[in-house]
Amino acid sequence: MKFLHLSDLHLGKQMNDVSLLADQEAVLLGQVVPIARRENVDAVLIAGDVYQRATPQAEAVALFDRFVSELAAMGRRVFIISGNHDSAQRISYFSALVRSAGVYVTEAFEGRMQSVTLSDEYGELTVWMLPFLRPQQVKRFLPEEKIVTYQDAMQAVLRQTPIDGKKRNILLCHQFITGAVKSDSEEHTVGGLDQIDAAVFDAFDYVALGHIHRPQRVRRETLRYAGSPLKYSFSEADYGKSVPVVDVREKGCIDVHTVPLSPMRDVRRVEGMMDELMRMPYSEDYVWVTVHDECVPPDARVTLSGVFPNIMKF
């Protein structure tokens, strides 16, 4: 069974008051959908932060509807959990109805992890779905547990979860795993209380993580952040974006490879003397321009906008 792992869409996000919806549409409908078709995946895993905010604008909701509808029309199952930017209640609207179309959406957490069991030639495979959790949420439903940190909360939930280790288990999760490399576009918790040790997830054959925007593995190849499909800050300028494709065969046999994504407009830094910058090729990328001249003309930014119309920082 083959899965495409996606996360942190942040539909509706803006950078420097510039809407990224057109860029998000181009990468989801123009690249991710064709990759799902070309790789012949059975399902798409979306590990949280579907939207930029808990009350997304209508255009963001419409884009996500088109994206999921195209995947479902191709016969691909879709598994969706909510992230810290999402409203768990809004994400789960009509979840019972869309299940018949092969779209599985987590409902608001009520003390237990939700799951869907699939079958292929190697037997049963369970997809576990855990929306973003805070310690106080878990404490509400498991008052007998001693819960202070995010790790306490995660361990308490897993103790309540009947995982059959002889079968294949995949987890969708939206949390910060210790050792992951962050970017400036994510929310951070002071003091590190949001960190969870990777060893907590040893019972799962593959962990599809969301929350961190840089694509990366954490401790093992099968515990992985897909990263956001687009660059959402200049701290991400120097690394590329991709989606993992996960081929799960018999128990213990998993192959992971990544497929690169190419944005409609890149996010990058450019710098140099004024005359050097003016000789650079015209580009509609989102850029942070640094001019090295000692005496910078007062209209330098306006002049450079003829070469870089989408200057976000100067």
Protein backbone atom coordinates (compact mmCIF):
# COMPACT_ATOMS: atom_id res chain seq x y z
CA MET A 1 0.00 0.00 0.00
CA LYS A 2 1.42 3.36 -1.02
CA PHE A 3 0.88 6.70 0.73
CA LEU A 4 1.69 10.33 -0.10
CA HIS A 5 2.51 12.33 3.04
CA LEU A 6 1.57 16.01 3.12
CA SER A 7 1.27 18.58 5.91
CA ASP A 8 1.16 22.25 6.87
CA LEU A 9 -0.76 23.59 3.88
CA HIS A 10 -1.64 26.78 5.79
CA LEU A 11 -4.26 27.68 3.19
CA GLY A 12 -5.04 31.38 3.34
CA LYS A 13 -1.59 32.37 4.61
CA GLN A 14 -0.09 35.73 3.72
CA MET A 15 3.52 36.89 3.64
CA ASN A 16 3.99 40.62 4.17
CA ASP A 17 0.26 41.10 3.47
CA VAL A 18 0.54 39.26 0.14
CA SER A 19 -1.95 36.41 -0.31
CA LEU A 20 -0.38 33.07 -1.22
CA LEU A 21 -3.61 31.38 -2.33
CA ALA A 22 -2.63 31.38 -6.01
CA ASP A 23 0.74 29.82 -5.12
CA GLN A 24 -0.99 27.24 -2.92
CA GLU A 25 -3.44 26.36 -5.67
CA ALA A 26 -0.59 25.92 -8.15
CA VAL A 27 1.36 23.54 -5.92
CA LEU A 28 -1.62 21.47 -4.71
CA LEU A 29 -3.63 21.13 -7.91
CA GLY A 30 -0.76 21.53 -10.36
CA GLN A 31 1.84 19.35 -8.64
CA VAL A 32 0.61 17.27 -5.68
CA VAL A 33 -2.42 15.86 -7.51
CA PRO A 34 -0.31 14.81 -10.54
CA ILE A 35 2.30 13.27 -8.22
CA ALA A 36 -0.44 11.24 -6.49
CA ARG A 37 -1.58 10.02 -9.91
CA ARG A 38 1.89 9.35 -11.29
CA GLU A 39 3.09 7.52 -8.16
CA ASN A 40 -0.18 5.58 -8.09
CA VAL A 41 -0.64 6.12 -4.35
CA ASP A 42 -3.53 4.50 -2.53
CA ALA A 43 -4.00 7.34 -0.05
CA VAL A 44 -2.89 10.84 0.89
CA LEU A 45 -2.02 11.61 4.53
CA ILE A 46 -2.51 15.27 5.53
CA ALA A 47 -0.88 15.79 8.93
CA GLY A 48 -2.50 18.99 10.14
CA ASP A 49 -2.49 22.78 9.70
CA VAL A 50 -4.80 22.63 6.72
CA TYR A 51 -5.62 26.31 7.20
CA GLN A 52 -3.66 29.30 8.44
CA ARG A 53 -6.29 30.18 11.02
CA ALA A 54 -9.12 28.56 12.91
CA THR A 55 -11.73 30.55 10.96
CA PRO A 56 -10.45 30.28 7.38
CA GLN A 57 -11.70 32.55 4.60
CA ALA A 58 -14.11 31.12 2.05
CA GLU A 59 -11.46 31.03 -0.70
CA ALA A 60 -9.17 28.83 1.41
CA VAL A 61 -12.01 26.41 2.19
CA ALA A 62 -12.98 26.28 -1.49
CA LEU A 63 -9.40 25.46 -2.51
CA PHE A 64 -9.16 22.62 -0.01
CA ASP A 65 -12.52 21.29 -1.18
CA ARG A 66 -11.27 21.23 -4.80
CA PHE A 67 -8.02 19.55 -3.79
CA VAL A 68 -9.61 16.76 -1.73
CA SER A 69 -12.41 16.32 -4.30
CA GLU A 70 -9.85 15.76 -7.08
CA LEU A 71 -8.03 13.15 -4.99
CA ALA A 72 -11.29 11.39 -4.13
CA ALA A 73 -12.41 11.45 -7.77
CA MET A 74 -9.17 9.65 -8.66
CA GLY A 75 -10.07 6.92 -6.17
CA ARG A 76 -7.47 7.96 -3.57
CA ARG A 77 -8.36 7.79 0.10
CA VAL A 78 -7.56 10.93 2.10
CA PHE A 79 -6.75 11.03 5.83
CA ILE A 80 -6.86 14.44 7.52
CA ILE A 81 -6.03 15.58 11.06
CA SER A 82 -6.25 19.09 12.51
CA GLY A 83 -3.15 21.04 13.53
CA ASN A 84 -2.56 23.83 16.02
CA HIS A 85 -3.69 26.44 13.45
CA ASP A 86 -6.95 24.61 12.73
CA SER A 87 -10.25 24.39 14.54
CA ALA A 88 -10.75 20.67 15.24
CA GLN A 89 -14.52 21.20 15.21
CA ARG A 90 -14.55 22.98 11.84
CA ILE A 91 -12.18 20.49 10.21
CA SER A 92 -14.45 17.63 11.26
CA TYR A 93 -17.70 19.08 9.85
CA PHE A 94 -19.44 16.44 7.72
CA SER A 95 -16.75 13.87 8.63
CA ALA A 96 -19.32 11.06 8.85
CA LEU A 97 -20.76 12.01 5.47
CA VAL A 98 -17.48 12.23 3.53
CA ARG A 99 -16.23 8.91 4.94
CA SER A 100 -18.30 7.13 2.31
CA ALA A 101 -16.15 8.90 -0.33
CA GLY A 102 -12.95 7.59 1.27
CA VAL A 103 -12.14 10.85 3.08
CA TYR A 104 -11.38 10.30 6.78
CA VAL A 105 -11.24 13.35 9.05
CA THR A 106 -10.45 13.34 12.77
CA GLU A 107 -13.13 14.65 15.06
CA ALA A 108 -12.31 16.75 18.12
CA PHE A 109 -10.30 14.72 20.65
CA GLU A 110 -12.43 13.04 23.31
CA GLY A 111 -9.93 10.82 25.08
CA ARG A 112 -9.19 8.18 22.45
CA MET A 113 -7.25 8.02 19.21
CA GLN A 114 -9.31 7.43 16.07
CA SER A 115 -8.32 4.83 13.51
CA VAL A 116 -9.19 3.28 10.15
CA THR A 117 -8.19 -0.28 9.22
CA LEU A 118 -7.33 -1.09 5.61
CA SER A 119 -6.39 -4.36 3.93
CA ASP A 120 -4.09 -5.40 1.10
CA GLU A 121 -2.22 -8.53 0.03
CA TYR A 122 -0.05 -8.33 3.16
CA GLY A 123 -2.98 -8.22 5.58
CA GLU A 124 -4.41 -5.46 7.74
CA LEU A 125 -2.93 -1.98 8.11
CA THR A 126 -4.26 0.52 10.65
CA VAL A 127 -4.03 4.27 10.12
CA TRP A 128 -4.17 6.05 13.50
CA MET A 129 -5.14 9.72 13.48
CA LEU A 130 -4.26 12.06 16.33
CA PRO A 131 -5.05 15.79 15.99
CA PHE A 132 -2.84 18.40 17.66
CA LEU A 133 -3.11 17.99 21.42
CA ARG A 134 -2.28 20.20 24.37
CA PRO A 135 -1.74 18.71 27.84
CA GLN A 136 -4.87 20.35 29.28
CA GLN A 137 -7.03 18.76 26.58
CA VAL A 138 -5.82 15.27 27.44
CA LYS A 139 -6.04 15.91 31.19
CA ARG A 140 -9.71 16.75 30.78
CA PHE A 141 -10.50 13.26 29.47
CA LEU A 142 -7.86 11.32 31.42
CA PRO A 143 -7.97 13.00 34.87
CA GLU A 144 -6.31 10.02 36.56
CA GLU A 145 -3.11 10.54 34.55
CA LYS A 146 -0.27 12.82 35.72
CA ILE A 147 0.01 15.21 32.76
CA VAL A 148 2.20 18.32 32.72
CA THR A 149 4.13 18.25 29.44
CA TYR A 150 3.19 17.38 25.86
CA GLN A 151 5.14 14.15 26.22
CA ASP A 152 3.08 13.23 29.31
CA ALA A 153 -0.06 13.83 27.27
CA MET A 154 1.11 11.76 24.31
CA GLN A 155 2.20 8.84 26.49
CA ALA A 156 -1.13 8.90 28.33
CA VAL A 157 -3.07 8.70 25.06
CA LEU A 158 -0.90 5.87 23.74
CA ARG A 159 -1.41 3.88 26.95
CA GLN A 160 -5.14 3.98 26.20
CA THR A 161 -4.61 2.83 22.59
CA PRO A 162 -4.85 -0.89 21.73
CA ILE A 163 -2.04 -1.14 19.15
CA ASP A 164 -1.42 -4.60 17.70
CA GLY A 165 2.34 -4.66 17.18
CA LYS A 166 2.14 -7.75 14.96
CA LYS A 167 0.25 -5.74 12.34
CA ARG A 168 1.28 -2.64 10.41
CA ASN A 169 0.49 0.70 12.05
CA ILE A 170 0.74 4.21 10.62
CA LEU A 171 0.28 7.34 12.73
CA LEU A 172 -0.72 10.85 11.65
CA CYS A 173 0.45 13.30 14.29
CA HIS A 174 0.94 17.05 14.56
CA GLN A 175 3.48 17.75 17.32
CA PHE A 176 7.08 18.88 17.84
CA ILE A 177 9.52 15.98 18.12
CA THR A 178 12.80 16.58 19.97
CA GLY A 179 15.65 17.15 17.54
CA ALA A 180 13.58 18.51 14.67
CA VAL A 181 14.95 21.65 12.96
CA LYS A 182 12.48 24.54 13.13
CA SER A 183 11.85 27.55 10.88
CA ASP A 184 10.72 31.10 11.64
CA SER A 185 7.21 30.47 10.25
CA GLU A 186 6.16 28.05 13.01
CA GLU A 187 4.74 28.76 16.43
CA HIS A 188 7.13 28.01 19.28
CA THR A 189 6.45 27.17 22.92
CA VAL A 190 8.79 28.79 25.45
CA GLY A 191 10.75 26.38 27.61
CA GLY A 192 10.53 23.33 25.38
CA LEU A 193 7.47 21.83 27.07
CA ASP A 194 6.01 21.06 23.63
CA GLN A 195 8.81 18.62 22.81
CA ILE A 196 8.13 14.88 22.56
CA ASP A 197 10.84 12.22 22.40
CA ALA A 198 10.84 10.18 19.19
CA ALA A 199 11.02 6.92 21.18
CA VAL A 200 7.38 7.46 22.21
CA PHE A 201 6.38 6.40 18.66
CA ASP A 202 8.37 3.16 18.43
CA ALA A 203 5.18 1.08 18.09
CA PHE A 204 4.37 2.67 14.71
CA ASP A 205 5.85 1.51 11.42
CA TYR A 206 5.57 4.98 9.89
CA VAL A 207 4.82 8.29 11.62
CA ALA A 208 3.49 11.02 9.28
CA LEU A 209 4.33 14.20 11.15
CA GLY A 210 3.14 17.76 10.72
CA HIS A 211 3.99 21.05 12.52
CA ILE A 212 7.60 21.65 11.35
CA HIS A 213 7.93 23.28 7.93
CA ARG A 214 11.34 21.90 6.96
CA PRO A 215 11.16 18.42 5.37
CA GLN A 216 13.22 16.03 7.51
CA ARG A 217 13.50 12.65 9.17
CA VAL A 218 13.79 12.45 12.95
CA ARG A 219 15.96 9.61 14.30
CA ARG A 220 14.72 7.10 11.71
CA GLU A 221 13.67 7.16 8.06
CA THR A 222 10.10 6.23 8.93
CA LEU A 223 9.48 9.05 11.42
CA ARG A 224 9.27 12.06 9.19
CA TYR A 225 8.06 15.63 8.72
CA ALA A 226 6.75 16.23 5.21
CA GLY A 227 7.27 19.96 5.70
CA SER A 228 5.09 22.66 4.19
CA PRO A 229 4.60 22.49 0.40
CA LEU A 230 5.72 26.13 0.08
CA LYS A 231 8.30 28.32 1.80
CA TYR A 232 6.53 30.49 4.35
CA SER A 233 9.51 32.49 5.68
CA PHE A 234 12.93 33.62 4.53
CA SER A 235 14.52 31.20 7.01
CA GLU A 236 13.38 28.50 4.56
CA ALA A 237 15.00 30.14 1.53
CA ASP A 238 17.99 27.80 1.35
CA TYR A 239 16.22 24.43 1.31
CA GLY A 240 13.82 22.80 -1.09
CA LYS A 241 10.33 21.42 -0.62
CA SER A 242 9.17 17.89 -1.35
CA VAL A 243 6.57 15.26 -0.50
CA PRO A 244 7.44 11.81 0.86
CA VAL A 245 5.96 8.79 -0.90
CA VAL A 246 5.77 5.81 1.47
CA ASP A 247 5.49 2.28 0.10
CA VAL A 248 4.37 -0.08 2.89
CA ARG A 249 4.71 -3.76 2.09
CA GLU A 250 4.91 -6.59 4.64
CA LYS A 251 5.57 -5.80 8.32
CA GLY A 252 9.01 -4.18 8.67
CA CYS A 253 9.41 -3.50 4.95
CA ILE A 254 8.88 0.18 4.11
CA ASP A 255 10.43 2.23 1.33
CA VAL A 256 10.39 6.04 1.51
CA HIS A 257 11.41 8.37 -1.29
CA THR A 258 10.76 12.08 -1.73
CA VAL A 259 9.44 13.88 -4.80
CA PRO A 260 10.56 17.53 -5.14
CA LEU A 261 8.07 20.38 -5.47
CA SER A 262 8.68 23.48 -7.60
CA PRO A 263 6.82 26.62 -6.50
CA MET A 264 5.20 29.04 -8.91
CA ARG A 265 7.23 31.75 -7.14
CA ASP A 266 10.26 30.95 -4.98
CA VAL A 267 11.19 32.66 -1.69
CA ARG A 268 14.81 33.78 -1.75
CA ARG A 269 17.39 36.41 -0.81
CA VAL A 270 19.25 38.52 -3.38
CA GLU A 271 22.03 40.99 -2.63
CA GLY A 272 24.72 43.05 -4.30
CA MET A 273 25.55 46.47 -5.62
CA MET A 274 22.71 48.42 -7.20
CA ASP A 275 24.04 48.07 -10.75
CA GLU A 276 24.57 44.31 -10.25
CA LEU A 277 20.99 43.86 -9.02
CA MET A 278 19.59 45.81 -11.96
CA ARG A 279 21.38 43.45 -14.39
CA MET A 280 19.84 40.34 -12.82
CA PRO A 281 17.10 38.48 -14.76
CA TYR A 282 13.52 39.63 -14.22
CA SER A 283 11.88 37.48 -11.53
CA GLU A 284 8.47 37.39 -9.86
CA ASP A 285 9.85 35.40 -6.90
CA TYR A 286 9.23 36.70 -3.39
CA VAL A 287 12.56 38.29 -2.51
CA TRP A 288 14.45 39.95 0.31
CA VAL A 289 16.78 42.45 -1.38
CA THR A 290 19.95 43.75 0.29
CA VAL A 291 21.77 46.60 -1.43
CA HIS A 292 25.51 46.97 -0.66
CA ASP A 293 26.05 50.50 -2.01
CA GLU A 294 27.36 53.00 0.53
CA CYS A 295 25.02 55.67 -0.84
CA VAL A 296 21.71 54.05 -1.69
CA PRO A 297 19.40 56.19 -3.88
CA PRO A 298 16.16 57.15 -2.09
CA ASP A 299 14.10 55.52 -4.84
CA ALA A 300 16.19 52.30 -4.91
CA ARG A 301 13.32 50.01 -3.90
CA VAL A 302 11.02 51.45 -6.58
CA THR A 303 13.76 51.14 -9.18
CA LEU A 304 14.51 47.53 -8.25
CA SER A 305 10.82 46.63 -8.42
CA GLY A 306 11.23 46.77 -12.20
CA VAL A 307 13.41 43.65 -11.87
CA PHE A 308 11.83 42.17 -8.72
CA PRO A 309 8.13 43.19 -8.59
CA ASN A 310 7.52 41.05 -5.47
CA ILE A 311 10.04 42.57 -3.07
CA MET A 312 8.95 41.61 0.46
CA LYS A 313 11.95 42.90 2.42
CA PHE A 314 14.45 45.58 1.47
